[in-house]
Amino acid sequence: MAWGVVFWSIATFLTPWAARHSTAMLLAVRALFGLAEGVAIPSMSTHLFRWFPCNERASAVGIAMAGFHLGNVMSLLVSPIILSSVGINGTFAFFASLGFVWLSAWIGRIPNDPRDSPDISHSELQLIRAGKIDSKAESSQLPPLRHLFSKLPALAVVLANVANNWGYFVLLSWMPVYFKTVYNVNLKQAAWFSAVPFGVMALSGYLAGASSDLMIKSGCSIIHVRKLMQTIGFIGPAVSLLSLKYAQTPISAAVLMTMALSFSAFSQAGYFLNIQDIAPKHAGFILGITNSVGTLAAIISTVGAGLFVQWMGSFRPSSHSLQPSTLSLQFSTTYMQLQSKFSSNSLILPVVLELLLSSSQAQ
């Protein structure tokens, strides 16, 4: 993780210089940024698995991912201020410096394994290690991809990541432009309208994690808790985005987008943690694979949204055109996730899917 932060901080700092140099150089620097940033989520997942017991892991993920979402809030609010004060170079230099500040606190203080930490007591270590495989003794051989994708639970997690990233990155990339274009708000107002949903998402992600851990501690089955959280994480955003077409003011649109992202955060306690349940020895590797596929979906959805806006002439018709495909991904992967393990009472979901998709397409 530390090396990833080093390289993406350097890439961030070099971005304005690369843009002035040439398009090819800019693409190369951004590719370096993407490669370095790609290690963050798998590394974080592996680290949290090592450091937290099962019945506290969802809360830990909620806190960690809250930083991810609050980073979006910070960038949306701070970037216009820095840009207007010191220019484009200062904006990239500021965010690059944050990576090195984090490194100064991380390196030398946080070992990879709690057994290597002098600050962990024996009783605390026993609590953390309860029910876990000895990661220092386990085989380092990774499962073949063909074998991995032949397993329905693994395939369900991949498709859940695709559906989650499809909607999340469209909102992340296009929300400020949406508010400026559809509701004619200025860029400063658009930044606030775009930042609030991600701020609330940070809170809802933690609440989802804490609720998940509480249910597990009370005796609920882990797989049923994961399924419940994932169902909320997909159906909630789908219904909220369907309602967006009826929003008449920027405030009502912001409320619906906030609801969509807040419900989406429940996926952190769903498919994200389910990877550690189904493949604890290779959670980082599998999460890296699923994130790669999910990132491809994010690229397609983000570029596709722009092409639809250009083709249709405004966000209004394009958002309606994209809703059926987004809903199809969300509901079908929810159904597959529920059916993937120990499912017995999920047959109602295909009917819900059919009705909602027919309704969205008819409108």
Protein backbone atom coordinates (compact mmCIF):
# COMPACT_ATOMS: atom_id res chain seq x y z
CA MET A 1 0.00 0.00 0.00
CA ALA A 2 2.81 2.41 0.90
CA TRP A 3 4.43 2.08 -2.53
CA GLY A 4 1.08 2.69 -4.17
CA VAL A 5 0.68 5.96 -2.25
CA VAL A 6 4.21 7.02 -3.23
CA PHE A 7 3.62 6.51 -6.94
CA TRP A 8 0.12 7.97 -7.12
CA SER A 9 1.28 11.04 -5.18
CA ILE A 10 4.16 11.52 -7.61
CA ALA A 11 1.79 11.02 -10.56
CA THR A 12 -0.63 13.58 -9.11
CA PHE A 13 2.17 16.14 -8.70
CA LEU A 14 3.40 15.57 -12.28
CA THR A 15 -0.03 15.80 -13.93
CA PRO A 16 0.00 19.58 -14.74
CA TRP A 17 3.53 19.31 -16.13
CA ALA A 18 2.56 16.30 -18.25
CA ALA A 19 -0.51 18.14 -19.58
CA ARG A 20 1.70 21.03 -20.77
CA HIS A 21 4.22 18.65 -22.30
CA SER A 22 2.03 16.45 -24.51
CA THR A 23 -1.11 14.35 -24.59
CA ALA A 24 0.97 11.16 -24.64
CA MET A 25 2.85 12.22 -21.51
CA LEU A 26 -0.39 13.10 -19.75
CA LEU A 27 -1.85 9.69 -20.59
CA ALA A 28 1.32 7.98 -19.33
CA VAL A 29 1.25 9.87 -16.02
CA ARG A 30 -2.45 9.17 -15.50
CA ALA A 31 -1.84 5.50 -16.32
CA LEU A 32 0.84 5.45 -13.59
CA PHE A 33 -1.66 7.04 -11.23
CA GLY A 34 -4.26 4.40 -12.03
CA LEU A 35 -1.82 1.51 -11.61
CA ALA A 36 -0.65 2.83 -8.26
CA GLU A 37 -4.14 3.61 -6.98
CA GLY A 38 -5.34 0.15 -7.98
CA VAL A 39 -3.49 -1.45 -5.05
CA ALA A 40 -5.31 0.62 -2.42
CA ILE A 41 -8.62 -1.23 -2.02
CA PRO A 42 -7.20 -4.80 -2.22
CA SER A 43 -4.42 -3.88 0.23
CA MET A 44 -6.91 -2.25 2.59
CA SER A 45 -9.17 -5.31 2.46
CA THR A 46 -6.31 -7.67 3.28
CA HIS A 47 -5.07 -5.41 6.05
CA LEU A 48 -8.48 -5.14 7.71
CA PHE A 49 -8.96 -8.91 7.51
CA ARG A 50 -5.70 -9.39 9.42
CA TRP A 51 -6.37 -6.76 12.06
CA PHE A 52 -10.06 -7.16 12.93
CA PRO A 53 -12.18 -10.11 14.10
CA CYS A 54 -15.12 -11.12 11.93
CA ASN A 55 -17.77 -9.45 14.10
CA GLU A 56 -15.98 -6.06 13.93
CA ARG A 57 -14.83 -6.12 10.32
CA ALA A 58 -17.86 -4.42 8.77
CA SER A 59 -17.49 -1.43 11.11
CA ALA A 60 -13.80 -1.23 10.28
CA VAL A 61 -14.57 -1.24 6.56
CA GLY A 62 -17.21 1.44 7.13
CA ILE A 63 -14.69 3.70 8.86
CA ALA A 64 -11.99 3.09 6.24
CA MET A 65 -14.35 3.68 3.32
CA ALA A 66 -15.67 6.83 5.04
CA GLY A 67 -12.24 8.30 4.41
CA PHE A 68 -12.60 7.33 0.75
CA HIS A 69 -15.92 9.17 0.45
CA LEU A 70 -14.82 12.17 2.52
CA GLY A 71 -11.87 12.52 0.17
CA ASN A 72 -14.38 13.09 -2.62
CA VAL A 73 -16.11 15.73 -0.48
CA MET A 74 -12.82 17.43 0.24
CA SER A 75 -11.74 17.49 -3.40
CA LEU A 76 -15.09 18.88 -4.56
CA LEU A 77 -15.05 21.69 -2.01
CA VAL A 78 -11.35 22.53 -1.72
CA SER A 79 -10.30 22.29 -5.37
CA PRO A 80 -12.23 25.40 -6.57
CA ILE A 81 -10.77 27.44 -3.69
CA ILE A 82 -7.17 26.39 -4.37
CA LEU A 83 -7.68 26.76 -8.11
CA SER A 84 -8.88 30.34 -7.77
CA SER A 85 -6.11 31.21 -5.29
CA VAL A 86 -2.91 29.62 -6.61
CA GLY A 87 -3.87 28.04 -9.92
CA ILE A 88 -4.00 24.53 -11.30
CA ASN A 89 -0.46 23.56 -10.20
CA GLY A 90 -1.25 24.33 -6.57
CA THR A 91 -4.33 22.10 -6.64
CA PHE A 92 -2.40 19.03 -7.77
CA ALA A 93 0.55 19.83 -5.48
CA PHE A 94 -1.77 20.07 -2.47
CA PHE A 95 -3.36 16.67 -3.01
CA ALA A 96 0.01 15.08 -3.82
CA SER A 97 1.41 16.39 -0.53
CA LEU A 98 -1.42 14.73 1.41
CA GLY A 99 -0.13 11.34 0.27
CA PHE A 100 3.30 12.00 1.71
CA VAL A 101 1.81 13.29 4.97
CA TRP A 102 -0.10 10.00 5.27
CA LEU A 103 3.08 8.04 4.54
CA SER A 104 4.94 9.75 7.37
CA ALA A 105 2.31 8.46 9.80
CA TRP A 106 1.97 4.99 8.27
CA ILE A 107 5.53 3.79 7.62
CA GLY A 108 7.23 2.31 10.64
CA ARG A 109 4.12 2.45 12.81
CA ILE A 110 1.66 0.01 11.26
CA PRO A 111 2.97 -3.54 10.63
CA ASN A 112 1.29 -5.81 8.10
CA ASP A 113 0.33 -8.36 10.75
CA PRO A 114 -0.91 -7.70 14.32
CA ARG A 115 1.44 -10.43 15.57
CA ASP A 116 4.33 -8.16 14.63
CA SER A 117 2.99 -5.21 16.62
CA PRO A 118 4.44 -4.57 20.10
CA ASP A 119 1.29 -2.67 21.04
CA ILE A 120 -1.07 -5.67 20.78
CA SER A 121 -1.64 -7.68 23.96
CA HIS A 122 -1.90 -11.46 23.94
CA SER A 123 -5.62 -11.44 24.75
CA GLU A 124 -6.33 -8.88 22.03
CA LEU A 125 -4.33 -10.93 19.55
CA GLN A 126 -6.34 -14.05 20.43
CA LEU A 127 -9.56 -12.10 19.79
CA ILE A 128 -8.31 -10.91 16.41
CA ARG A 129 -7.00 -14.33 15.38
CA ALA A 130 -10.08 -16.33 16.46
CA GLY A 131 -11.25 -18.55 13.62
CA LYS A 132 -8.61 -17.38 11.15
CA ILE A 133 -6.20 -19.42 9.09
CA ASP A 134 -2.53 -18.92 9.91
CA SER A 135 -1.68 -16.49 7.11
CA LYS A 136 2.06 -16.84 7.69
CA ALA A 137 1.92 -20.59 7.09
CA GLU A 138 -0.59 -20.70 4.26
CA SER A 139 0.35 -21.37 0.63
CA SER A 140 1.07 -18.32 -1.50
CA GLN A 141 -0.19 -20.04 -4.67
CA LEU A 142 -3.01 -18.08 -6.26
CA PRO A 143 -6.09 -19.82 -7.69
CA PRO A 144 -6.27 -20.07 -11.52
CA LEU A 145 -8.61 -17.48 -13.02
CA ARG A 146 -10.52 -20.16 -14.92
CA HIS A 147 -11.22 -21.99 -11.66
CA LEU A 148 -12.11 -18.74 -9.92
CA PHE A 149 -14.70 -17.65 -12.49
CA SER A 150 -16.26 -21.12 -12.57
CA LYS A 151 -17.54 -20.57 -9.02
CA LEU A 152 -20.94 -18.87 -8.79
CA PRO A 153 -20.23 -16.95 -5.53
CA ALA A 154 -17.06 -15.44 -7.06
CA LEU A 155 -18.89 -14.56 -10.27
CA ALA A 156 -21.70 -12.96 -8.26
CA VAL A 157 -19.17 -10.77 -6.43
CA VAL A 158 -17.62 -9.68 -9.74
CA LEU A 159 -20.99 -8.72 -11.20
CA ALA A 160 -21.96 -6.93 -7.99
CA ASN A 161 -18.79 -4.84 -8.27
CA VAL A 162 -19.65 -4.05 -11.89
CA ALA A 163 -23.15 -2.88 -10.96
CA ASN A 164 -21.89 -0.85 -8.00
CA ASN A 165 -19.15 0.92 -9.99
CA TRP A 166 -21.46 1.50 -12.95
CA GLY A 167 -23.67 3.88 -10.98
CA TYR A 168 -21.15 5.23 -8.48
CA PHE A 169 -18.66 6.60 -10.99
CA VAL A 170 -21.32 8.11 -13.23
CA LEU A 171 -22.50 10.13 -10.23
CA LEU A 172 -18.96 10.94 -9.12
CA SER A 173 -17.89 12.14 -12.59
CA TRP A 174 -21.02 13.87 -13.84
CA MET A 175 -22.85 15.19 -10.79
CA PRO A 176 -21.39 18.75 -10.84
CA VAL A 177 -22.00 19.06 -14.59
CA TYR A 178 -25.53 17.69 -14.12
CA PHE A 179 -26.45 20.36 -11.58
CA LYS A 180 -24.91 23.14 -13.66
CA THR A 181 -26.54 22.01 -16.91
CA VAL A 182 -29.99 20.94 -15.73
CA TYR A 183 -30.58 23.43 -12.91
CA ASN A 184 -28.28 26.25 -14.06
CA VAL A 185 -26.45 26.54 -10.74
CA ASN A 186 -22.95 28.01 -10.70
CA LEU A 187 -19.87 25.84 -10.19
CA LYS A 188 -19.53 26.77 -6.51
CA GLN A 189 -23.13 25.76 -5.80
CA ALA A 190 -22.72 22.65 -7.94
CA ALA A 191 -19.72 21.64 -5.84
CA TRP A 192 -21.81 21.82 -2.66
CA PHE A 193 -24.74 19.96 -4.19
CA SER A 194 -22.27 17.26 -5.32
CA ALA A 195 -20.31 17.09 -2.08
CA VAL A 196 -23.19 16.61 0.36
CA PRO A 197 -24.28 13.19 -1.03
CA PHE A 198 -20.77 11.78 -0.62
CA GLY A 199 -20.54 13.18 2.90
CA VAL A 200 -23.76 11.46 3.88
CA MET A 201 -22.53 8.31 2.13
CA ALA A 202 -19.55 8.22 4.51
CA LEU A 203 -21.93 8.22 7.48
CA SER A 204 -24.35 5.66 6.04
CA GLY A 205 -21.48 3.30 5.18
CA TYR A 206 -20.39 3.27 8.80
CA LEU A 207 -23.96 2.79 10.02
CA ALA A 208 -24.36 -0.14 7.62
CA GLY A 209 -21.15 -1.70 8.92
CA ALA A 210 -22.05 -1.18 12.57
CA SER A 211 -25.55 -2.62 12.01
CA SER A 212 -24.05 -5.59 10.20
CA ASP A 213 -21.64 -6.34 13.05
CA LEU A 214 -24.42 -5.95 15.61
CA MET A 215 -26.59 -8.47 13.74
CA ILE A 216 -23.72 -10.96 13.55
CA LYS A 217 -22.97 -10.56 17.27
CA SER A 218 -26.64 -11.19 18.05
CA GLY A 219 -26.46 -14.56 16.29
CA CYS A 220 -27.60 -13.84 12.74
CA SER A 221 -26.02 -15.87 9.96
CA ILE A 222 -23.13 -14.04 8.27
CA ILE A 223 -24.31 -14.96 4.77
CA HIS A 224 -27.85 -13.70 5.47
CA VAL A 225 -26.49 -10.41 6.84
CA ARG A 226 -24.32 -9.96 3.75
CA LYS A 227 -27.31 -10.67 1.49
CA LEU A 228 -29.52 -8.21 3.34
CA MET A 229 -26.93 -5.43 3.13
CA GLN A 230 -26.34 -6.08 -0.56
CA THR A 231 -30.04 -6.05 -1.33
CA ILE A 232 -30.38 -2.64 0.33
CA GLY A 233 -27.21 -1.51 -1.45
CA PHE A 234 -28.73 -2.17 -4.89
CA ILE A 235 -32.50 -1.77 -4.58
CA GLY A 236 -32.23 1.51 -2.64
CA PRO A 237 -30.13 3.35 -5.27
CA ALA A 238 -32.22 1.92 -8.12
CA VAL A 239 -35.48 3.27 -6.67
CA SER A 240 -33.86 6.62 -5.81
CA LEU A 241 -32.48 7.09 -9.32
CA LEU A 242 -35.81 6.11 -10.86
CA SER A 243 -37.37 8.95 -8.85
CA LEU A 244 -34.78 11.45 -10.09
CA LYS A 245 -36.75 12.13 -13.26
CA TYR A 246 -39.45 13.77 -11.13
CA ALA A 247 -37.07 16.19 -9.39
CA GLN A 248 -37.99 19.80 -10.22
CA THR A 249 -35.39 21.65 -8.12
CA PRO A 250 -31.68 21.17 -7.42
CA ILE A 251 -32.46 20.53 -3.76
CA SER A 252 -34.87 17.68 -4.53
CA ALA A 253 -32.35 16.21 -7.00
CA ALA A 254 -29.60 16.44 -4.38
CA VAL A 255 -31.83 14.69 -1.84
CA LEU A 256 -32.50 11.80 -4.24
CA MET A 257 -28.84 11.48 -5.17
CA THR A 258 -27.94 11.55 -1.49
CA MET A 259 -30.40 8.72 -0.89
CA ALA A 260 -28.97 6.75 -3.81
CA LEU A 261 -25.38 7.05 -2.58
CA SER A 262 -26.38 6.44 1.04
CA PHE A 263 -28.09 3.16 0.13
CA SER A 264 -25.19 2.29 -2.17
CA ALA A 265 -22.82 2.41 0.82
CA PHE A 266 -24.58 -0.68 2.21
CA SER A 267 -22.71 -2.66 -0.46
CA GLN A 268 -19.59 -2.20 1.64
CA ALA A 269 -21.15 -4.57 4.17
CA GLY A 270 -22.38 -6.81 1.33
CA TYR A 271 -20.30 -8.04 -1.58
CA PHE A 272 -17.17 -6.18 -0.41
CA LEU A 273 -16.97 -8.18 2.82
CA ASN A 274 -18.34 -11.34 1.23
CA ILE A 275 -15.02 -11.73 -0.60
CA GLN A 276 -13.29 -12.28 2.74
CA ASP A 277 -15.98 -14.78 3.71
CA ILE A 278 -15.72 -16.97 0.62
CA ALA A 279 -11.94 -16.76 0.04
CA PRO A 280 -10.10 -15.49 3.14
CA LYS A 281 -6.69 -16.69 1.96
CA HIS A 282 -6.90 -14.83 -1.37
CA ALA A 283 -9.23 -11.92 -0.56
CA GLY A 284 -6.79 -9.28 -1.79
CA PHE A 285 -6.18 -11.09 -5.08
CA ILE A 286 -9.88 -11.68 -5.76
CA LEU A 287 -10.79 -8.12 -4.83
CA GLY A 288 -8.11 -6.90 -7.23
CA ILE A 289 -9.65 -8.98 -10.02
CA THR A 290 -13.19 -7.82 -9.25
CA ASN A 291 -12.03 -4.20 -9.04
CA SER A 292 -10.35 -4.52 -12.44
CA VAL A 293 -13.59 -5.68 -14.02
CA GLY A 294 -15.53 -3.08 -12.04
CA THR A 295 -13.18 -0.32 -13.20
CA LEU A 296 -13.80 -1.32 -16.80
CA ALA A 297 -17.53 -0.98 -16.13
CA ALA A 298 -16.89 2.44 -14.57
CA ILE A 299 -15.01 3.57 -17.68
CA ILE A 300 -17.80 2.37 -19.98
CA SER A 301 -20.56 3.94 -17.88
CA THR A 302 -18.76 7.28 -17.46
CA VAL A 303 -17.86 7.61 -21.13
CA GLY A 304 -21.28 6.25 -22.11
CA ALA A 305 -23.04 8.88 -20.01
CA GLY A 306 -21.11 11.61 -21.80
CA LEU A 307 -21.92 10.15 -25.20
CA PHE A 308 -25.61 9.92 -24.30
CA VAL A 309 -25.62 13.55 -23.17
CA GLN A 310 -23.99 14.58 -26.44
CA TRP A 311 -26.35 12.43 -28.50
CA MET A 312 -29.58 13.36 -26.69
CA GLY A 313 -28.70 17.02 -26.16
CA SER A 314 -29.27 17.18 -22.39
CA PHE A 315 -29.04 15.18 -19.18
CA ARG A 316 -32.79 14.70 -18.92
CA PRO A 317 -33.33 12.17 -21.71
CA SER A 318 -29.92 10.57 -21.24
CA SER A 319 -30.51 9.88 -17.57
CA HIS A 320 -33.78 8.15 -18.45
CA SER A 321 -32.08 6.14 -21.17
CA LEU A 322 -29.36 4.98 -18.81
CA GLN A 323 -31.73 4.04 -15.99
CA PRO A 324 -32.97 0.73 -17.46
CA SER A 325 -29.44 -0.58 -18.03
CA THR A 326 -28.32 0.53 -14.57
CA LEU A 327 -31.39 -1.04 -12.97
CA SER A 328 -30.90 -4.25 -14.92
CA LEU A 329 -27.37 -4.56 -13.58
CA GLN A 330 -28.37 -3.74 -10.01
CA PHE A 331 -31.39 -6.02 -9.72
CA SER A 332 -29.99 -8.96 -11.67
CA THR A 333 -26.74 -9.01 -9.69
CA THR A 334 -28.69 -8.68 -6.45
CA TYR A 335 -30.69 -11.72 -7.48
CA MET A 336 -27.54 -13.63 -8.43
CA GLN A 337 -25.85 -12.65 -5.16
CA LEU A 338 -28.84 -13.89 -3.18
CA GLN A 339 -29.04 -17.13 -5.13
CA SER A 340 -25.29 -17.82 -5.00
CA LYS A 341 -25.21 -19.45 -1.53
CA PHE A 342 -27.85 -20.99 0.76
CA SER A 343 -30.72 -19.21 -0.99
CA SER A 344 -34.28 -20.39 -0.53
CA ASN A 345 -36.66 -17.44 -0.51
CA SER A 346 -35.44 -15.04 -3.23
CA LEU A 347 -37.70 -16.07 -6.11
CA ILE A 348 -39.72 -12.87 -5.81
CA LEU A 349 -36.81 -10.77 -7.11
CA PRO A 350 -37.17 -11.68 -10.82
CA VAL A 351 -40.79 -10.46 -10.67
CA VAL A 352 -39.70 -7.18 -9.06
CA LEU A 353 -37.00 -6.80 -11.68
CA GLU A 354 -39.44 -7.37 -14.53
CA LEU A 355 -42.01 -4.91 -13.21
CA LEU A 356 -39.57 -2.11 -12.45
CA LEU A 357 -37.67 -2.42 -15.71
CA SER A 358 -40.90 -2.46 -17.71
CA SER A 359 -42.06 0.64 -15.84
CA SER A 360 -38.81 2.55 -16.38
CA GLN A 361 -38.70 1.73 -20.08
CA ALA A 362 -42.34 2.64 -20.62
CA GLN A 363 -41.76 6.06 -19.11
